[in-house]
């Protein structure tokens, strides 16, 4: 069970990292369009 939670925690960290990069890129594009 501990291994499962550890794997899940690592997976969530990866998802959070990808989402953060995606959100930042999206906001950068949006800012570029607005200031454009």
N, C-alpha and C. Protein backbone atom coordinates (compact mmCIF):
# COMPACT_ATOMS: atom_id res chain seq x y z
N UNK A 1 0.84 -1.20 0.00
CA UNK A 1 0.00 0.00 0.00
C UNK A 1 0.88 1.25 0.00
N UNK A 2 1.95 1.24 0.81
CA UNK A 2 2.85 2.39 0.89
C UNK A 2 3.48 2.66 -0.49
N UNK A 3 3.84 1.59 -1.20
CA UNK A 3 4.43 1.75 -2.54
C UNK A 3 3.43 2.40 -3.49
N UNK A 4 2.17 2.00 -3.38
CA UNK A 4 1.13 2.56 -4.23
C UNK A 4 0.97 4.04 -3.99
N UNK A 5 0.93 4.44 -2.71
CA UNK A 5 0.78 5.85 -2.38
C UNK A 5 1.99 6.65 -2.84
N UNK A 6 3.19 6.05 -2.71
CA UNK A 6 4.41 6.74 -3.12
C UNK A 6 4.42 6.97 -4.63
N UNK A 7 3.99 5.94 -5.37
CA UNK A 7 3.90 6.05 -6.82
C UNK A 7 2.88 7.10 -7.21
N UNK A 8 1.73 7.09 -6.54
CA UNK A 8 0.67 8.05 -6.82
C UNK A 8 1.14 9.46 -6.53
N UNK A 9 1.87 9.63 -5.45
CA UNK A 9 2.38 10.94 -5.07
C UNK A 9 3.36 11.46 -6.12
N UNK A 10 4.23 10.59 -6.59
CA UNK A 10 5.18 10.96 -7.63
C UNK A 10 4.46 11.31 -8.93
N UNK A 11 3.41 10.56 -9.24
CA UNK A 11 2.63 10.80 -10.45
C UNK A 11 1.94 12.15 -10.38
N UNK A 12 1.40 12.48 -9.20
CA UNK A 12 0.74 13.77 -9.01
C UNK A 12 1.73 14.91 -9.14
N UNK A 13 2.95 14.71 -8.63
CA UNK A 13 4.01 15.73 -8.77
C UNK A 13 4.30 15.97 -10.25
N UNK A 14 4.37 14.90 -11.04
CA UNK A 14 4.64 15.02 -12.47
C UNK A 14 3.51 15.77 -13.17
N UNK A 15 2.28 15.42 -12.83
CA UNK A 15 1.12 16.08 -13.43
C UNK A 15 1.11 17.56 -13.07
N UNK A 16 1.40 17.85 -11.81
CA UNK A 16 1.42 19.24 -11.34
C UNK A 16 2.49 20.04 -12.09
N UNK A 17 3.66 19.41 -12.30
CA UNK A 17 4.76 20.07 -13.00
C UNK A 17 4.36 20.38 -14.45
N UNK A 18 3.80 19.38 -15.12
CA UNK A 18 3.36 19.55 -16.51
C UNK A 18 2.30 20.64 -16.60
N UNK A 19 1.34 20.62 -15.66
CA UNK A 19 0.27 21.61 -15.67
C UNK A 19 0.82 23.01 -15.45
N UNK A 20 1.80 23.13 -14.55
CA UNK A 20 2.41 24.44 -14.26
C UNK A 20 3.10 24.99 -15.50
N UNK A 21 3.87 24.13 -16.19
CA UNK A 21 4.56 24.55 -17.42
C UNK A 21 3.54 24.94 -18.48
N UNK A 22 2.48 24.13 -18.63
CA UNK A 22 1.45 24.38 -19.62
C UNK A 22 0.73 25.70 -19.33
N UNK A 23 0.38 25.91 -18.06
CA UNK A 23 -0.33 27.12 -17.66
C UNK A 23 0.54 28.35 -17.89
N UNK A 24 1.83 28.25 -17.57
CA UNK A 24 2.75 29.36 -17.74
C UNK A 24 2.89 29.70 -19.23
N UNK A 25 3.05 28.68 -20.06
CA UNK A 25 3.17 28.90 -21.50
C UNK A 25 1.90 29.53 -22.05
N UNK A 26 0.75 29.07 -21.57
CA UNK A 26 -0.53 29.60 -22.03
C UNK A 26 -0.66 31.07 -21.66
N UNK A 27 -0.29 31.41 -20.43
CA UNK A 27 -0.39 32.80 -19.97
C UNK A 27 0.60 33.68 -20.73
N UNK A 28 1.77 33.11 -21.08
CA UNK A 28 2.76 33.86 -21.86
C UNK A 28 2.20 34.18 -23.25
N UNK A 29 1.55 33.20 -23.85
CA UNK A 29 0.94 33.40 -25.17
C UNK A 29 -0.17 34.45 -25.07
N UNK A 30 -0.98 34.34 -24.03
CA UNK A 30 -2.07 35.28 -23.82
C UNK A 30 -1.54 36.69 -23.64
N UNK A 31 -0.48 36.82 -22.85
CA UNK A 31 0.14 38.13 -22.62
C UNK A 31 0.70 38.69 -23.93
N UNK A 32 1.27 37.82 -24.75
CA UNK A 32 1.80 38.25 -26.04
C UNK A 32 0.70 38.76 -26.95
N UNK A 33 -0.45 38.09 -26.93
CA UNK A 33 -1.59 38.51 -27.75
C UNK A 33 -2.12 39.86 -27.26
N UNK A 34 -2.23 40.01 -25.95
CA UNK A 34 -2.78 41.24 -25.37
C UNK A 34 -1.86 42.43 -25.65
N UNK A 35 -0.56 42.23 -25.42
CA UNK A 35 0.38 43.34 -25.60
C UNK A 35 0.73 43.52 -27.07
N UNK A 36 0.51 42.50 -27.89
CA UNK A 36 0.82 42.28 -29.22
C UNK A 36 0.96 43.25 -30.26
